[in-house]
Every structure is written in C-alpha cells, then in structure tokens.
Amino acid sequence: MMGSVTTQPLFSFGVIADVQYADIPDGRSFLGTPRYYRNSILVLQKAVQAWNQHGNLKFVINMGDIVDGFCPKDQSLSATKKLVHEFQKFQGPVYHMIGNHCLYNLPRRELLPLLNIPRRDGDDNAYYDFSPTPEYRVVVLDGYDISAVGWPEDHPKTLAALKILEERNPNSEKNSPEGLVDVERRFVKYNGGVGEKQLEWLDGVLRGAKELNQRVIVCGHVPMSPGVASKAALMWNFDEVMSVIHKYDVVKVCLSGHDHKGGYFVDSHGVHHRSLEAALECPPGTYSFGYVDVYENKLSLVGTDRMQSTDFEI
C-alpha cells in the first residue's frame, strides 16, 4: 500500500505519566481540576496488566511524578517503594525519570537508587540514554537539573535556581506565575531547567546518533515546547534544549508529562511534541496509559481511554 513502508513495528514500548499516588482523600489542583490520589495506583495496575497482555513491549517509560507532593512525608519512602513495586510487575525493563512531585517527597540521593536511575559523574544527575534497537536511541532528560527542589539547600544548582526565580518572578510565592506574561509564566518553582553539563552531554549523544544514522526519541518530565503545554508548565530553558535538538536532524518525537491535560504540537523543524494525559486525573473506572508502536515511517501512540491516540509521521 502507498505510504505504508512496513506493517510490523520495529519495536513498541509502554507509556504512563503523572501517577502521583498518595493515600489521602481526593482533592483538586490549584486550578480546581479533580485529582484522584488513591485511584491512581489502580490506573497503574491496569496499565501494567495491559502491557503484559500485549506481550511484545520492549520496555516501559514512566514520565515522572510517581508520588504526589501531598503524600504525608512519613509515607514518602513507603509510597515510592509501593509504586516502584507495581511498575516492577511489568515483564520487562522500566525506565523512570524524576518529576517535581518525586522531589517534594525525597531528595535525589534517595530517589535515584529507588527508581534505578544510574548516578552520573559521581553526582545525583538523572539524565541518561539507551538504544532499544540499532535504529533508535531514547534520551531521558533531567528537567530538574537546575531546580530549587531536590538538591541540598546550599548546592550550587539550588542557588542557581533561586537566582533565576528571583530575577524572573517578582511574586513572593515562587510557585505563582501571577503577573507573568506568555512564556515568562514558566519561571515558577515547580518547573526547572537543564544545566550546561547536561546540554553538552545531549549535544554529544545527538551527534553520536547522527553518525550512527539513529533516530531519537527524547523524554522528559517537563514539556519542551510552548505549543504543547500551558505556558506555566514549560522547562525554564526549553529554548536552549530545543536549539541543541534542532541542530541535528535526528530527534523525531519529544514526550513529556507534567501538564496533565495532554497536548500535541509539531514545531517548525518538524519535531513532534506530545505531553501525556495524567493518570492522577482519571475518575474511578477510567484510565490513562498507552504504548507506542515505532515504525520505519511513523510512530503511533495507541492510547487507552483518556490518553488520546496520536500518529507521528516522520
């Protein structure tokens, strides 16, 4: 058939975002959206069951925020372990990334081993990459590399983040974007940025992928394009990250979580951006998870229930 290069995917992988479990009554976001804290673990269990039944998923990616910030702090460790255990019921590798809610619960030094994220350069950086097939590479970014949460209070990265917030956000409550206009609304405490060292690493990974003729899928908790998410839910230096990504014509799709409502956008360089609908906001009896089929000429997100299916032509 015209336009159909292949009917069998090169590989497939499972996706879920923003489970944000907590053993507390249902609540609402700051914007009033209902949040189902106890139900979200049932969404995850259903997802794992579906992924295992699929039988041909090479791995699963969790887009961050495994436990909610409202989780009682004496339960942070046990709740995180409980959720990791549910993910481990998937019959294959699971790749995690850190989100802001993870860091509200536990410092990086505790979080990374729990999520099986390898420490890099002797520090608690949480960015890494892997190659599931010779044709593809997956890059996982650490969107809280420069952040006011997760690092020790006197850490240079904490201080750099506080300086950015002080300069760009005049509100005394740094989680509030009030008065900030358009993409300036991203300069709030619950977002973060990618540091210089990580940008150099990303450049090297993408350059290497180009030399190997690999295509790349970039994953990060925080959205990387104003077209795909709320302006108040963007990576602080999304422009610098995208400038590295656009330098090499290898990145086909950027996947993210964080914004909860979901979004899709193709940027001026033809890179597809997809922020995924949150598991946390599923009323009981509804679900949000999916899997991605990777073909020669497209990627296809097959969503369940509240997660919208999306085709990415490449």
Protein backbone atom coordinates (compact mmCIF):
# COMPACT_ATOMS: atom_id res chain seq x y z
CA MET A 1 0.00 0.00 0.00
CA MET A 2 1.17 3.53 -0.76
CA GLY A 3 2.73 5.24 2.22
CA SER A 4 2.88 2.05 4.28
CA VAL A 5 6.53 1.04 4.48
CA THR A 6 6.00 -1.76 6.97
CA THR A 7 3.16 -3.34 8.90
CA GLN A 8 5.26 -4.69 11.79
CA PRO A 9 6.69 -2.15 14.26
CA LEU A 10 10.46 -2.11 14.73
CA PHE A 11 9.61 -2.15 18.44
CA SER A 12 6.93 -0.96 20.86
CA PHE A 13 7.03 0.49 24.38
CA GLY A 14 4.55 1.39 27.13
CA VAL A 15 3.94 4.91 28.47
CA ILE A 16 2.26 6.45 31.51
CA ALA A 17 2.57 9.87 33.16
CA ASP A 18 1.92 11.59 36.48
CA VAL A 19 0.56 8.75 38.62
CA GLN A 20 1.06 10.98 41.71
CA TYR A 21 -0.28 8.40 44.14
CA ALA A 22 -0.98 9.32 47.77
CA ASP A 23 -3.03 7.56 50.44
CA ILE A 24 -5.20 10.65 51.03
CA PRO A 25 -8.76 11.68 50.05
CA ASP A 26 -9.40 13.05 46.56
CA GLY A 27 -8.61 16.72 46.06
CA ARG A 28 -8.19 19.39 43.41
CA SER A 29 -5.32 21.10 41.64
CA PHE A 30 -4.65 24.82 42.18
CA LEU A 31 -6.82 25.37 39.10
CA GLY A 32 -9.66 23.27 40.53
CA THR A 33 -9.18 20.09 38.45
CA PRO A 34 -10.20 16.97 40.43
CA ARG A 35 -7.35 14.68 41.49
CA TYR A 36 -7.90 11.04 42.48
CA TYR A 37 -4.92 10.25 44.69
CA ARG A 38 -5.84 6.73 45.82
CA ASN A 39 -7.33 5.68 42.48
CA SER A 40 -4.15 6.41 40.51
CA ILE A 41 -2.47 3.18 41.67
CA LEU A 42 -5.42 1.28 40.12
CA VAL A 43 -4.74 3.09 36.82
CA LEU A 44 -1.11 1.94 37.04
CA GLN A 45 -2.12 -1.65 37.88
CA LYS A 46 -4.47 -1.71 34.88
CA ALA A 47 -1.67 -0.33 32.70
CA VAL A 48 0.83 -3.00 33.80
CA GLN A 49 -1.77 -5.70 33.21
CA ALA A 50 -2.45 -4.36 29.68
CA TRP A 51 1.26 -4.01 28.87
CA ASN A 52 1.92 -7.60 29.94
CA GLN A 53 -1.07 -8.84 27.94
CA HIS A 54 0.27 -7.03 24.87
CA GLY A 55 3.23 -9.39 25.16
CA ASN A 56 5.57 -7.55 22.80
CA LEU A 57 6.58 -4.33 24.54
CA LYS A 58 10.34 -3.89 24.70
CA PHE A 59 10.18 -1.59 27.75
CA VAL A 60 8.01 0.89 29.64
CA ILE A 61 8.72 4.58 30.30
CA ASN A 62 7.22 6.36 33.30
CA MET A 63 7.21 10.10 32.58
CA GLY A 64 7.75 11.12 36.23
CA ASP A 65 5.81 12.20 39.33
CA ILE A 66 5.32 8.74 40.80
CA VAL A 67 4.03 10.02 44.19
CA ASP A 68 2.17 13.27 44.92
CA GLY A 69 3.57 16.19 46.89
CA PHE A 70 0.61 15.98 49.29
CA CYS A 71 1.68 12.47 50.33
CA PRO A 72 2.32 12.62 54.11
CA LYS A 73 6.10 12.90 54.46
CA ASP A 74 6.35 9.95 56.85
CA GLN A 75 4.89 7.86 53.99
CA SER A 76 7.07 9.25 51.16
CA LEU A 77 9.54 6.38 51.19
CA SER A 78 6.99 3.58 51.61
CA ALA A 79 4.66 5.09 48.96
CA THR A 80 7.50 5.42 46.44
CA LYS A 81 8.58 1.82 47.10
CA LYS A 82 4.97 0.66 46.74
CA LEU A 83 4.64 2.31 43.32
CA VAL A 84 8.03 1.07 42.12
CA HIS A 85 6.90 -2.44 43.12
CA GLU A 86 3.77 -2.06 40.94
CA PHE A 87 5.92 -1.00 37.98
CA GLN A 88 8.21 -3.98 38.56
CA LYS A 89 5.27 -6.30 37.81
CA PHE A 90 5.80 -5.37 34.15
CA GLN A 91 7.61 -8.25 32.46
CA GLY A 92 10.47 -6.18 31.06
CA PRO A 93 12.65 -3.13 31.76
CA VAL A 94 11.03 0.01 33.24
CA TYR A 95 12.71 3.40 32.80
CA HIS A 96 11.87 6.18 35.24
CA MET A 97 12.57 9.90 35.29
CA ILE A 98 12.20 12.36 38.13
CA GLY A 99 9.45 14.95 38.33
CA ASN A 100 8.87 17.79 40.78
CA HIS A 101 6.46 15.73 42.92
CA CYS A 102 9.10 13.00 43.31
CA LEU A 103 11.46 15.66 44.67
CA TYR A 104 8.85 17.07 47.08
CA ASN A 105 8.89 13.64 48.70
CA LEU A 106 12.51 12.53 48.66
CA PRO A 107 15.92 14.07 47.96
CA ARG A 108 17.74 12.93 44.84
CA ARG A 109 20.26 10.78 46.68
CA GLU A 110 17.39 8.59 47.98
CA LEU A 111 15.23 8.79 44.88
CA LEU A 112 17.70 7.73 42.18
CA PRO A 113 18.52 4.26 43.57
CA LEU A 114 14.79 3.59 44.21
CA LEU A 115 13.98 4.45 40.59
CA ASN A 116 17.02 2.55 39.34
CA ILE A 117 18.41 5.68 37.69
CA PRO A 118 22.20 5.38 37.32
CA ARG A 119 24.24 8.11 39.05
CA ARG A 120 26.31 10.09 36.57
CA ASP A 121 29.75 11.63 37.17
CA GLY A 122 29.58 10.79 40.88
CA ASP A 123 26.68 13.22 41.28
CA ASP A 124 22.93 12.71 41.57
CA ASN A 125 22.15 13.69 37.98
CA ALA A 126 19.22 11.82 36.46
CA TYR A 127 19.77 12.03 32.69
CA TYR A 128 20.71 9.02 30.59
CA ASP A 129 20.17 7.33 27.22
CA PHE A 130 19.76 3.83 25.84
CA SER A 131 19.37 2.16 22.47
CA PRO A 132 16.49 -0.36 22.29
CA THR A 133 17.32 -1.27 18.66
CA PRO A 134 20.23 -0.35 16.36
CA GLU A 135 17.99 2.17 14.52
CA TYR A 136 16.82 4.07 17.60
CA ARG A 137 18.08 5.85 20.70
CA VAL A 138 15.99 7.05 23.65
CA VAL A 139 17.19 10.08 25.61
CA VAL A 140 15.83 10.75 29.12
CA LEU A 141 16.38 14.34 30.25
CA ASP A 142 16.63 15.60 33.83
CA GLY A 143 14.35 18.65 33.78
CA TYR A 144 15.16 19.46 37.44
CA ASP A 145 18.91 19.56 36.93
CA ILE A 146 18.70 23.25 37.84
CA SER A 147 15.97 23.31 40.48
CA ALA A 148 15.01 24.78 43.83
CA VAL A 149 13.85 21.31 44.97
CA GLY A 150 15.73 18.03 45.31
CA TRP A 151 19.29 19.27 45.81
CA PRO A 152 20.70 20.22 49.23
CA GLU A 153 19.84 23.83 50.15
CA ASP A 154 23.42 25.07 49.73
CA HIS A 155 24.06 23.15 46.47
CA PRO A 156 25.22 25.36 43.56
CA LYS A 157 22.28 24.10 41.47
CA THR A 158 19.78 25.14 44.17
CA LEU A 159 21.41 28.56 44.39
CA ALA A 160 21.40 28.94 40.58
CA ALA A 161 17.69 28.05 40.50
CA LEU A 162 16.81 30.51 43.29
CA LYS A 163 18.71 33.24 41.42
CA ILE A 164 16.71 32.55 38.22
CA LEU A 165 13.43 32.68 40.17
CA GLU A 166 14.48 35.87 41.97
CA GLU A 167 15.34 37.56 38.66
CA ARG A 168 12.38 36.34 36.60
CA ASN A 169 9.48 36.03 39.08
CA PRO A 170 8.61 39.06 41.26
CA ASN A 171 5.99 37.13 43.31
CA SER A 172 6.85 36.27 46.91
CA GLU A 173 5.22 32.86 46.26
CA LYS A 174 7.60 31.46 43.63
CA ASN A 175 5.10 28.75 42.59
CA SER A 176 2.78 31.51 41.34
CA PRO A 177 3.03 32.80 37.75
CA GLU A 178 0.71 35.73 38.58
CA GLY A 179 1.54 38.81 36.53
CA LEU A 180 3.96 36.93 34.28
CA VAL A 181 3.09 37.05 30.59
CA ASP A 182 3.14 34.32 27.92
CA VAL A 183 6.22 32.04 28.11
CA GLU A 184 7.61 34.08 31.05
CA ARG A 185 4.98 32.22 33.10
CA ARG A 186 7.32 29.21 33.10
CA PHE A 187 9.57 30.81 35.74
CA VAL A 188 7.92 29.14 38.71
CA LYS A 189 9.41 26.84 41.35
CA TYR A 190 7.61 23.68 40.18
CA ASN A 191 9.45 23.85 36.84
CA GLY A 192 13.20 23.54 36.36
CA GLY A 193 15.99 23.65 33.83
CA VAL A 194 18.73 21.67 32.12
CA GLY A 195 22.27 22.62 33.17
CA GLU A 196 25.28 23.37 30.96
CA LYS A 197 26.87 19.95 31.50
CA GLN A 198 23.65 18.15 30.54
CA LEU A 199 23.29 20.34 27.42
CA GLU A 200 26.83 19.36 26.36
CA TRP A 201 26.01 15.70 27.05
CA LEU A 202 22.81 15.98 24.95
CA ASP A 203 24.76 17.54 22.10
CA GLY A 204 27.24 14.64 22.21
CA VAL A 205 24.51 11.97 22.30
CA LEU A 206 22.66 13.52 19.33
CA ARG A 207 25.90 13.95 17.37
CA GLY A 208 26.70 10.27 18.03
CA ALA A 209 23.19 9.25 16.95
CA LYS A 210 23.60 11.17 13.69
CA GLU A 211 26.89 9.38 12.98
CA LEU A 212 25.19 6.02 13.61
CA ASN A 213 22.18 7.04 11.49
CA GLN A 214 19.89 6.58 14.51
CA ARG A 215 16.57 8.27 15.13
CA VAL A 216 15.98 9.66 18.61
CA ILE A 217 13.02 9.87 21.00
CA VAL A 218 13.55 12.48 23.75
CA CYS A 219 11.65 12.02 27.02
CA GLY A 220 11.47 14.50 29.88
CA HIS A 221 9.00 15.22 32.64
CA VAL A 222 8.71 18.92 31.73
CA PRO A 223 7.36 19.91 28.27
CA MET A 224 9.87 21.45 25.85
CA SER A 225 7.66 23.50 23.53
CA PRO A 226 5.13 26.31 24.21
CA GLY A 227 2.91 24.72 21.56
CA VAL A 228 2.31 21.51 23.54
CA ALA A 229 1.52 22.68 27.07
CA SER A 230 0.44 25.51 29.34
CA LYS A 231 2.98 28.36 29.37
CA ALA A 232 3.26 27.85 33.14
CA ALA A 233 4.34 24.20 32.69
CA LEU A 234 7.42 24.62 30.49
CA MET A 235 11.08 23.85 31.04
CA TRP A 236 12.88 27.07 32.06
CA ASN A 237 15.42 26.83 29.23
CA PHE A 238 13.34 24.90 26.69
CA ASP A 239 14.78 27.24 24.01
CA GLU A 240 18.37 26.12 24.72
CA VAL A 241 17.36 22.45 24.79
CA MET A 242 15.42 22.74 21.52
CA SER A 243 18.29 24.61 19.89
CA VAL A 244 20.54 21.56 20.57
CA ILE A 245 17.77 19.21 19.36
CA HIS A 246 17.21 21.21 16.16
CA LYS A 247 20.95 21.28 15.42
CA TYR A 248 20.82 17.58 14.47
CA ASP A 249 18.02 16.22 12.34
CA VAL A 250 17.68 13.03 14.41
CA VAL A 251 15.06 13.74 17.10
CA LYS A 252 11.60 12.78 15.84
CA VAL A 253 9.45 12.98 18.97
CA CYS A 254 9.66 14.70 22.39
CA LEU A 255 7.45 13.07 25.04
CA SER A 256 6.60 14.71 28.38
CA GLY A 257 4.19 14.71 31.31
CA HIS A 258 3.75 17.44 33.98
CA ASP A 259 0.95 19.43 32.30
CA HIS A 260 -1.70 16.71 32.99
CA LYS A 261 -4.26 17.75 30.37
CA GLY A 262 -2.27 16.37 27.41
CA GLY A 263 -1.18 18.14 24.24
CA TYR A 264 0.23 17.67 20.75
CA PHE A 265 2.26 20.04 18.57
CA VAL A 266 4.65 19.83 15.61
CA ASP A 267 7.33 22.53 15.75
CA SER A 268 8.90 24.50 12.88
CA HIS A 269 11.63 21.86 12.45
CA GLY A 270 9.11 19.02 12.16
CA VAL A 271 9.75 17.63 15.68
CA HIS A 272 6.58 16.15 17.22
CA HIS A 273 5.85 17.15 20.83
CA ARG A 274 3.35 15.16 22.91
CA SER A 275 2.57 15.80 26.58
CA LEU A 276 0.68 12.85 28.04
CA GLU A 277 -2.62 12.89 29.94
CA ALA A 278 -2.13 12.27 33.68
CA ALA A 279 -3.10 9.02 35.41
CA LEU A 280 -3.86 11.11 38.52
CA GLU A 281 -6.82 12.87 36.91
CA CYS A 282 -8.69 9.71 35.94
CA PRO A 283 -12.02 9.38 37.80
CA PRO A 284 -12.51 5.83 39.19
CA GLY A 285 -13.27 3.41 36.37
CA THR A 286 -11.35 5.46 33.77
CA TYR A 287 -7.72 5.11 32.67
CA SER A 288 -4.84 6.92 31.00
CA PHE A 289 -1.88 4.95 29.64
CA GLY A 290 -0.77 3.58 26.32
CA TYR A 291 2.00 2.18 24.17
CA VAL A 292 3.97 3.50 21.22
CA ASP A 293 4.50 1.45 18.06
CA VAL A 294 7.69 2.56 16.28
CA TYR A 295 7.62 2.01 12.51
CA GLU A 296 10.04 2.92 9.72
CA ASN A 297 7.94 5.93 8.65
CA LYS A 298 5.97 6.88 11.76
CA LEU A 299 5.48 6.45 15.49
CA SER A 300 1.99 5.66 16.68
CA LEU A 301 0.79 6.26 20.25
CA VAL A 302 -2.05 3.86 20.99
CA GLY A 303 -3.84 5.39 23.96
CA THR A 304 -6.28 3.79 26.39
CA ASP A 305 -9.39 5.72 27.45
CA ARG A 306 -8.35 9.25 28.48
CA MET A 307 -4.97 9.05 26.72
CA GLN A 308 -5.54 10.23 23.16
CA SER A 309 -4.08 8.09 20.36
CA THR A 310 -1.69 10.07 18.16
CA ASP A 311 0.25 9.31 14.94
CA PHE A 312 3.63 10.97 14.45
CA GLU A 313 4.60 10.89 10.75
CA ILE A 314 8.39 11.10 10.37
